[in-house]
């Protein structure tokens, strides 16, 4: 899906396309979005991810498995608490 602005082209990806771009599963993307690392756009039934945000996330060293996203000590856990034990 492409949207054109002034001179900027913005590309959005589905879970499937974003997973191919980032070499990770839809669950990794879901958990990264839930943790606030990337933003989901659109409706809950048809979420989309912005290509630029996915690229930034990958440059920052995005985890490649959903377990790594859940186990990251920098990700806020439920209730707003942070895990400091590394997993």
C-alpha atoms as a PDB file:
ATOM      1  CA  UNK A   1       0.000   0.000   0.000  1.00  0.00           C
ATOM      2  CA  UNK A   2       1.490   3.334  -0.985  1.00  0.00           C
ATOM      3  CA  UNK A   3       0.395   6.844  -0.188  1.00  0.00           C
ATOM      4  CA  UNK A   4       1.837   9.850  -1.895  1.00  0.00           C
ATOM      5  CA  UNK A   5       2.436  13.168  -0.193  1.00  0.00           C
ATOM      6  CA  UNK A   6       4.189  16.262  -1.505  1.00  0.00           C
ATOM      7  CA  UNK A   7       7.449  14.623  -2.600  1.00  0.00           C
ATOM      8  CA  UNK A   8       7.452  11.821  -0.063  1.00  0.00           C
ATOM      9  CA  UNK A   9       6.285   8.282  -0.643  1.00  0.00           C
ATOM     10  CA  UNK A  10       5.043   6.476   2.453  1.00  0.00           C
ATOM     11  CA  UNK A  11       4.784   2.703   2.425  1.00  0.00           C
ATOM     12  CA  UNK A  12       2.731   0.643   4.839  1.00  0.00           C
ATOM     13  CA  UNK A  13       3.065  -3.114   5.363  1.00  0.00           C
ATOM     14  CA  UNK A  14       0.714  -5.779   6.683  1.00  0.00           C
ATOM     15  CA  UNK A  15       1.958  -8.243   9.302  1.00  0.00           C
ATOM     16  CA  UNK A  16       2.986 -10.551   6.465  1.00  0.00           C
ATOM     17  CA  UNK A  17       4.921  -7.898   4.545  1.00  0.00           C
ATOM     18  CA  UNK A  18       6.485  -6.429   7.677  1.00  0.00           C
ATOM     19  CA  UNK A  19       7.538  -9.906   8.783  1.00  0.00           C
ATOM     20  CA  UNK A  20       9.297 -10.495   5.459  1.00  0.00           C
ATOM     21  CA  UNK A  21      10.956  -7.072   5.612  1.00  0.00           C
ATOM     22  CA  UNK A  22      12.190  -7.588   9.182  1.00  0.00           C
ATOM     23  CA  UNK A  23      12.754 -11.376   9.012  1.00  0.00           C
ATOM     24  CA  UNK A  24      10.559 -12.018  12.019  1.00  0.00           C
ATOM     25  CA  UNK A  25       7.153 -13.485  12.844  1.00  0.00           C
ATOM     26  CA  UNK A  26       3.856 -11.665  13.154  1.00  0.00           C
ATOM     27  CA  UNK A  27       3.972 -12.413  16.906  1.00  0.00           C
ATOM     28  CA  UNK A  28       7.287 -10.600  17.226  1.00  0.00           C
ATOM     29  CA  UNK A  29       5.745  -7.604  15.455  1.00  0.00           C
ATOM     30  CA  UNK A  30       2.587  -7.802  17.579  1.00  0.00           C
ATOM     31  CA  UNK A  31       4.558  -7.873  20.815  1.00  0.00           C
ATOM     32  CA  UNK A  32       6.928  -5.114  19.683  1.00  0.00           C
ATOM     33  CA  UNK A  33       3.904  -2.923  18.870  1.00  0.00           C
ATOM     34  CA  UNK A  34       2.271  -3.773  22.186  1.00  0.00           C
ATOM     35  CA  UNK A  35       5.520  -2.861  23.961  1.00  0.00           C
ATOM     36  CA  UNK A  36       5.678   0.479  22.130  1.00  0.00           C
ATOM     37  CA  UNK A  37       8.739  -0.210  19.970  1.00  0.00           C
ATOM     38  CA  UNK A  38       6.808   0.199  16.711  1.00  0.00           C
ATOM     39  CA  UNK A  39       3.408   1.717  15.920  1.00  0.00           C
ATOM     40  CA  UNK A  40       0.455  -0.142  14.443  1.00  0.00           C
ATOM     41  CA  UNK A  41      -1.704   1.987  12.154  1.00  0.00           C
ATOM     42  CA  UNK A  42      -5.218   1.285  10.950  1.00  0.00           C
ATOM     43  CA  UNK A  43      -7.894  -0.853  12.516  1.00  0.00           C
ATOM     44  CA  UNK A  44      -7.369  -3.834  14.777  1.00  0.00           C
ATOM     45  CA  UNK A  45      -8.712  -6.056  11.997  1.00  0.00           C
ATOM     46  CA  UNK A  46      -6.290  -4.666   9.410  1.00  0.00           C
ATOM     47  CA  UNK A  47      -3.178  -3.229  11.095  1.00  0.00           C
ATOM     48  CA  UNK A  48      -0.370  -1.701   9.063  1.00  0.00           C
ATOM     49  CA  UNK A  49       3.213  -0.805   9.857  1.00  0.00           C
ATOM     50  CA  UNK A  50       5.126   2.164   8.470  1.00  0.00           C
ATOM     51  CA  UNK A  51       8.242   1.185   6.528  1.00  0.00           C
ATOM     52  CA  UNK A  52      10.374   3.964   8.043  1.00  0.00           C
ATOM     53  CA  UNK A  53       9.505   2.897  11.603  1.00  0.00           C
ATOM     54  CA  UNK A  54      10.271  -0.740  10.823  1.00  0.00           C
ATOM     55  CA  UNK A  55      13.651   0.268   9.363  1.00  0.00           C
ATOM     56  CA  UNK A  56      14.444   2.367  12.468  1.00  0.00           C
ATOM     57  CA  UNK A  57      13.421  -0.520  14.719  1.00  0.00           C
ATOM     58  CA  UNK A  58      15.730  -2.879  12.831  1.00  0.00           C
ATOM     59  CA  UNK A  59      18.623  -0.384  13.007  1.00  0.00           C
ATOM     60  CA  UNK A  60      18.161  -0.181  16.771  1.00  0.00           C
ATOM     61  CA  UNK A  61      18.742  -3.938  16.954  1.00  0.00           C
ATOM     62  CA  UNK A  62      15.218  -5.334  16.931  1.00  0.00           C
ATOM     63  CA  UNK A  63      14.837  -8.813  18.403  1.00  0.00           C
ATOM     64  CA  UNK A  64      13.967 -11.549  15.928  1.00  0.00           C
ATOM     65  CA  UNK A  65      11.731 -13.681  18.144  1.00  0.00           C
ATOM     66  CA  UNK A  66       8.652 -12.878  20.177  1.00  0.00           C
ATOM     67  CA  UNK A  67      10.340 -14.343  23.262  1.00  0.00           C
ATOM     68  CA  UNK A  68      13.210 -11.859  22.929  1.00  0.00           C
ATOM     69  CA  UNK A  69      10.692  -9.006  22.783  1.00  0.00           C
ATOM     70  CA  UNK A  70       8.931 -10.288  25.907  1.00  0.00           C
ATOM     71  CA  UNK A  71      12.208 -10.940  27.735  1.00  0.00           C
ATOM     72  CA  UNK A  72      13.836  -7.587  27.064  1.00  0.00           C
ATOM     73  CA  UNK A  73      14.670  -5.740  30.259  1.00  0.00           C
ATOM     74  CA  UNK A  74      13.917  -2.406  28.597  1.00  0.00           C
ATOM     75  CA  UNK A  75      10.326  -3.251  27.736  1.00  0.00           C
ATOM     76  CA  UNK A  76       7.631  -2.173  30.191  1.00  0.00           C
ATOM     77  CA  UNK A  77       5.774  -5.195  31.524  1.00  0.00           C
ATOM     78  CA  UNK A  78       2.116  -5.350  32.495  1.00  0.00           C
ATOM     79  CA  UNK A  79       1.235  -2.963  35.264  1.00  0.00           C
ATOM     80  CA  UNK A  80       3.954  -0.546  34.165  1.00  0.00           C
ATOM     81  CA  UNK A  81       6.700  -2.461  35.972  1.00  0.00           C
ATOM     82  CA  UNK A  82      10.051  -3.065  34.309  1.00  0.00           C
ATOM     83  CA  UNK A  83      11.845  -6.349  34.500  1.00  0.00           C
ATOM     84  CA  UNK A  84      15.449  -5.933  35.527  1.00  0.00           C
ATOM     85  CA  UNK A  85      16.442  -9.587  35.514  1.00  0.00           C
ATOM     86  CA  UNK A  86      17.072  -9.735  31.757  1.00  0.00           C
ATOM     87  CA  UNK A  87      14.282 -12.165  31.048  1.00  0.00           C
END
